[in-house]
Every structure is written in C-alpha cells, then in structure tokens.
Amino acid sequence: MDQAAIDRIHRSFAAQSMMATLGARIEEVGAGHVRIVAPILPGALQQQGFGHAGLTFSLGDSAAGYASLTTLPLDNEVVTAEIKVNLLAPAKGDRLIATGRVIKPGKRLCVVSSEVHAEEGDRRTLIAVLQGTMVPVPV
C-alpha cells in the first residue's frame, strides 16, 4: 500500500467520533487488513462487568470496514450493508483487539470478516467473529 492510501484510512478513522469515545486507535494497516485496539473502559461495560457486546461489535465492524477500504480507490469510502456477529466469550481483560480482513474485494460489494480478541496481560482470548458486506461509496 502507498502512503496516500494509509493516510486516507487514518483520516477517515479520525473523523469517527464513536471510535474516539471508545478510546480506539488503529494499530496496523495493510493491504486487505486493518487492526484496531481499544481499552475496555468503565463506560463501556455491561451489567456483569465485562466489555459490552456493543463495544465488541463496533470495533469488529470498523476493522472490517477499513480493511475493505484498503482495496478501493482513494475517492471511495464504505458503509456496512450487513454484518453478523458470533459472540464466543465475554470481553474480559484490559483491551480489545479487532482484526479485519477482506474475503472478497469488489467494486460494488466487499465481503469482509473480523476477529475480536480480549487481552488480559499476556493472554488473548478470541471473543467474537464477524462476517459481512461493505458497500463502496464515492466521496
């Protein structure tokens, strides 16, 4: 990937107030994949003290969406058409790590997936898998 494409991902991500609210940041950008990390903040917990499923979903959705954006021309953005989540374990730990990947790129539809891990010290646990479809949108 060239620097202009990487910069576009970072600019778009910075414009998401939701990601800022969650304390999320992009950790890695590559062709067809993006990794986003976020702490499990006190304001993002569910009633049993685990990270809320909404936090898990938001990070997984954004990682998958930005992964798809790495495959598109610079004058595009993406929106989620649909995405399914399987929650596998509680979001227990210090932070979440969402890694999005492109399954099949396309000009009209991009099929994507992401995995979300909870990290507690040196231990990582897979807590969710997502699969969905992103729609390219010219800007």
C-alpha atoms as a PDB file:
ATOM      1  CA  MET A   1       0.000   0.000   0.000  1.00  0.00           C
ATOM      2  CA  ASP A   2       1.174   3.500  -0.709  1.00  0.00           C
ATOM      3  CA  GLN A   3       1.294   6.226   1.935  1.00  0.00           C
ATOM      4  CA  ALA A   4      -1.688   8.116   0.448  1.00  0.00           C
ATOM      5  CA  ALA A   5      -3.916   5.067   0.961  1.00  0.00           C
ATOM      6  CA  ILE A   6      -2.700   4.594   4.531  1.00  0.00           C
ATOM      7  CA  ASP A   7      -3.201   8.306   5.285  1.00  0.00           C
ATOM      8  CA  ARG A   8      -6.755   8.114   3.905  1.00  0.00           C
ATOM      9  CA  ILE A   9      -7.581   5.287   6.342  1.00  0.00           C
ATOM     10  CA  HIS A  10      -6.198   7.272   9.291  1.00  0.00           C
ATOM     11  CA  ARG A  11      -8.078  10.475   8.278  1.00  0.00           C
ATOM     12  CA  SER A  12     -11.353   8.605   7.919  1.00  0.00           C
ATOM     13  CA  PHE A  13     -10.847   6.831  11.248  1.00  0.00           C
ATOM     14  CA  ALA A  14     -10.059  10.136  12.989  1.00  0.00           C
ATOM     15  CA  ALA A  15     -13.407  11.507  11.767  1.00  0.00           C
ATOM     16  CA  GLN A  16     -15.325   8.790  13.680  1.00  0.00           C
ATOM     17  CA  SER A  17     -16.398  10.295  16.983  1.00  0.00           C
ATOM     18  CA  MET A  18     -17.600   6.857  18.129  1.00  0.00           C
ATOM     19  CA  MET A  19     -14.092   5.427  17.905  1.00  0.00           C
ATOM     20  CA  ALA A  20     -12.720   8.433  19.816  1.00  0.00           C
ATOM     21  CA  THR A  21     -15.356   7.930  22.518  1.00  0.00           C
ATOM     22  CA  LEU A  22     -14.281   4.290  22.862  1.00  0.00           C
ATOM     23  CA  GLY A  23     -10.582   5.237  23.054  1.00  0.00           C
ATOM     24  CA  ALA A  24      -9.885   3.189  19.923  1.00  0.00           C
ATOM     25  CA  ARG A  25      -6.872   3.597  17.678  1.00  0.00           C
ATOM     26  CA  ILE A  26      -5.569   1.970  14.533  1.00  0.00           C
ATOM     27  CA  GLU A  27      -2.611  -0.258  15.293  1.00  0.00           C
ATOM     28  CA  GLU A  28      -1.909  -1.643  11.815  1.00  0.00           C
ATOM     29  CA  VAL A  29      -2.952  -1.011   8.204  1.00  0.00           C
ATOM     30  CA  GLY A  30      -2.041  -3.298   5.319  1.00  0.00           C
ATOM     31  CA  ALA A  31      -3.496  -4.353   2.002  1.00  0.00           C
ATOM     32  CA  GLY A  32      -6.745  -6.121   2.865  1.00  0.00           C
ATOM     33  CA  HIS A  33      -6.409  -5.927   6.639  1.00  0.00           C
ATOM     34  CA  VAL A  34      -6.663  -3.424   9.491  1.00  0.00           C
ATOM     35  CA  ARG A  35      -6.141  -3.867  13.242  1.00  0.00           C
ATOM     36  CA  ILE A  36      -7.913  -1.616  15.757  1.00  0.00           C
ATOM     37  CA  VAL A  37      -7.319  -1.690  19.512  1.00  0.00           C
ATOM     38  CA  ALA A  38      -9.296  -0.139  22.346  1.00  0.00           C
ATOM     39  CA  PRO A  39      -9.193  -0.282  26.121  1.00  0.00           C
ATOM     40  CA  ILE A  40     -12.171  -1.740  27.943  1.00  0.00           C
ATOM     41  CA  LEU A  41     -13.186   1.491  29.652  1.00  0.00           C
ATOM     42  CA  PRO A  42     -15.529   1.742  32.677  1.00  0.00           C
ATOM     43  CA  GLY A  43     -18.129   3.475  30.468  1.00  0.00           C
ATOM     44  CA  ALA A  44     -18.247   0.518  28.040  1.00  0.00           C
ATOM     45  CA  LEU A  45     -19.140  -2.266  30.500  1.00  0.00           C
ATOM     46  CA  GLN A  46     -22.271  -4.363  30.707  1.00  0.00           C
ATOM     47  CA  GLN A  47     -24.012  -5.281  33.970  1.00  0.00           C
ATOM     48  CA  GLN A  48     -21.669  -8.173  34.836  1.00  0.00           C
ATOM     49  CA  GLY A  49     -18.509  -6.091  34.431  1.00  0.00           C
ATOM     50  CA  PHE A  50     -17.442  -7.379  31.012  1.00  0.00           C
ATOM     51  CA  GLY A  51     -16.941  -5.209  27.944  1.00  0.00           C
ATOM     52  CA  HIS A  52     -20.330  -4.609  26.326  1.00  0.00           C
ATOM     53  CA  ALA A  53     -21.180  -6.517  23.140  1.00  0.00           C
ATOM     54  CA  GLY A  54     -21.739  -3.117  21.512  1.00  0.00           C
ATOM     55  CA  LEU A  55     -18.059  -2.331  22.059  1.00  0.00           C
ATOM     56  CA  THR A  56     -17.036  -5.661  20.558  1.00  0.00           C
ATOM     57  CA  PHE A  57     -19.346  -5.185  17.572  1.00  0.00           C
ATOM     58  CA  SER A  58     -18.289  -1.583  16.926  1.00  0.00           C
ATOM     59  CA  LEU A  59     -14.598  -2.453  16.855  1.00  0.00           C
ATOM     60  CA  GLY A  60     -15.123  -5.527  14.678  1.00  0.00           C
ATOM     61  CA  ASP A  61     -17.336  -3.624  12.247  1.00  0.00           C
ATOM     62  CA  SER A  62     -14.856  -0.758  11.912  1.00  0.00           C
ATOM     63  CA  ALA A  63     -11.877  -3.086  11.454  1.00  0.00           C
ATOM     64  CA  ALA A  64     -13.706  -4.985   8.706  1.00  0.00           C
ATOM     65  CA  GLY A  65     -14.862  -1.765   7.045  1.00  0.00           C
ATOM     66  CA  TYR A  66     -11.421  -0.207   6.998  1.00  0.00           C
ATOM     67  CA  ALA A  67      -9.916  -3.468   5.706  1.00  0.00           C
ATOM     68  CA  SER A  68     -12.281  -3.213   2.737  1.00  0.00           C
ATOM     69  CA  LEU A  69     -11.352   0.434   2.224  1.00  0.00           C
ATOM     70  CA  THR A  70      -7.710  -0.585   1.730  1.00  0.00           C
ATOM     71  CA  THR A  71      -8.745  -2.311  -1.518  1.00  0.00           C
ATOM     72  CA  LEU A  72     -10.639   0.648  -3.015  1.00  0.00           C
ATOM     73  CA  PRO A  73      -9.655   3.787  -4.937  1.00  0.00           C
ATOM     74  CA  LEU A  74      -8.817   6.892  -2.902  1.00  0.00           C
ATOM     75  CA  ASP A  75     -12.104   8.601  -3.859  1.00  0.00           C
ATOM     76  CA  ASN A  76     -14.201   5.967  -2.019  1.00  0.00           C
ATOM     77  CA  GLU A  77     -15.498   5.378   1.481  1.00  0.00           C
ATOM     78  CA  VAL A  78     -17.551   2.374   2.628  1.00  0.00           C
ATOM     79  CA  VAL A  79     -20.727   1.735   4.569  1.00  0.00           C
ATOM     80  CA  THR A  80     -21.829  -1.521   6.144  1.00  0.00           C
ATOM     81  CA  ALA A  81     -24.664  -3.209   4.256  1.00  0.00           C
ATOM     82  CA  GLU A  82     -24.905  -6.101   6.711  1.00  0.00           C
ATOM     83  CA  ILE A  83     -22.716  -7.780   9.268  1.00  0.00           C
ATOM     84  CA  LYS A  84     -23.239 -10.771  11.529  1.00  0.00           C
ATOM     85  CA  VAL A  85     -21.526 -11.301  14.838  1.00  0.00           C
ATOM     86  CA  ASN A  86     -20.941 -14.504  16.786  1.00  0.00           C
ATOM     87  CA  LEU A  87     -20.070 -13.709  20.397  1.00  0.00           C
ATOM     88  CA  LEU A  88     -17.868 -16.536  21.660  1.00  0.00           C
ATOM     89  CA  ALA A  89     -16.721 -15.429  25.110  1.00  0.00           C
ATOM     90  CA  PRO A  90     -17.063 -12.448  27.483  1.00  0.00           C
ATOM     91  CA  ALA A  91     -14.984  -9.346  26.731  1.00  0.00           C
ATOM     92  CA  LYS A  92     -12.856  -9.753  29.836  1.00  0.00           C
ATOM     93  CA  GLY A  93      -9.492  -8.053  30.101  1.00  0.00           C
ATOM     94  CA  ASP A  94      -7.682  -4.778  29.623  1.00  0.00           C
ATOM     95  CA  ARG A  95      -8.296  -4.141  25.930  1.00  0.00           C
ATOM     96  CA  LEU A  96      -9.881  -5.484  22.766  1.00  0.00           C
ATOM     97  CA  ILE A  97      -8.063  -6.130  19.505  1.00  0.00           C
ATOM     98  CA  ALA A  98     -10.137  -6.246  16.312  1.00  0.00           C
ATOM     99  CA  THR A  99      -8.511  -7.506  13.128  1.00  0.00           C
ATOM    100  CA  GLY A 100     -10.472  -7.002   9.917  1.00  0.00           C
ATOM    101  CA  ARG A 101      -9.772  -8.869   6.683  1.00  0.00           C
ATOM    102  CA  VAL A 102     -11.108  -8.780   3.159  1.00  0.00           C
ATOM    103  CA  ILE A 103     -12.527 -12.098   1.996  1.00  0.00           C
ATOM    104  CA  LYS A 104     -13.537 -10.895  -1.482  1.00  0.00           C
ATOM    105  CA  PRO A 105     -12.915  -7.360  -2.716  1.00  0.00           C
ATOM    106  CA  GLY A 106     -15.237  -5.791  -5.250  1.00  0.00           C
ATOM    107  CA  LYS A 107     -16.309  -2.538  -6.884  1.00  0.00           C
ATOM    108  CA  ARG A 108     -19.930  -2.873  -5.724  1.00  0.00           C
ATOM    109  CA  LEU A 109     -19.682  -5.163  -2.689  1.00  0.00           C
ATOM    110  CA  CYS A 110     -16.791  -6.246  -0.478  1.00  0.00           C
ATOM    111  CA  VAL A 111     -17.159  -9.359   1.669  1.00  0.00           C
ATOM    112  CA  VAL A 112     -15.247  -8.966   4.916  1.00  0.00           C
ATOM    113  CA  SER A 113     -14.598 -10.625   8.252  1.00  0.00           C
ATOM    114  CA  SER A 114     -13.060  -9.693  11.552  1.00  0.00           C
ATOM    115  CA  GLU A 115     -11.943 -11.368  14.721  1.00  0.00           C
ATOM    116  CA  VAL A 116     -12.035  -9.656  18.089  1.00  0.00           C
ATOM    117  CA  HIS A 117      -9.756 -10.782  20.904  1.00  0.00           C
ATOM    118  CA  ALA A 118      -9.771  -9.697  24.539  1.00  0.00           C
ATOM    119  CA  GLU A 119      -6.339  -9.185  26.017  1.00  0.00           C
ATOM    120  CA  GLU A 120      -5.616  -9.608  29.707  1.00  0.00           C
ATOM    121  CA  GLY A 121      -1.904  -9.338  30.445  1.00  0.00           C
ATOM    122  CA  ASP A 122      -0.162 -11.789  28.095  1.00  0.00           C
ATOM    123  CA  ARG A 123      -3.330 -13.788  27.458  1.00  0.00           C
ATOM    124  CA  ARG A 124      -5.508 -13.285  24.352  1.00  0.00           C
ATOM    125  CA  THR A 125      -8.941 -14.838  24.020  1.00  0.00           C
ATOM    126  CA  LEU A 126     -10.993 -14.899  20.828  1.00  0.00           C
ATOM    127  CA  ILE A 127     -14.324 -13.383  21.874  1.00  0.00           C
ATOM    128  CA  ALA A 128     -16.101 -12.698  18.579  1.00  0.00           C
ATOM    129  CA  VAL A 129     -16.077 -13.319  14.849  1.00  0.00           C
ATOM    130  CA  LEU A 130     -17.917 -11.111  12.371  1.00  0.00           C
ATOM    131  CA  GLN A 131     -18.676 -11.505   8.682  1.00  0.00           C
ATOM    132  CA  GLY A 132     -20.410  -9.024   6.463  1.00  0.00           C
ATOM    133  CA  THR A 133     -20.681  -6.924   3.361  1.00  0.00           C
ATOM    134  CA  MET A 134     -19.373  -3.412   2.778  1.00  0.00           C
ATOM    135  CA  VAL A 135     -20.638  -1.136   0.023  1.00  0.00           C
ATOM    136  CA  PRO A 136     -18.194   1.298  -1.618  1.00  0.00           C
ATOM    137  CA  VAL A 137     -19.459   4.894  -1.675  1.00  0.00           C
ATOM    138  CA  PRO A 138     -17.819   7.588  -3.823  1.00  0.00           C
ATOM    139  CA  VAL A 139     -16.935  10.766  -1.931  1.00  0.00           C
END
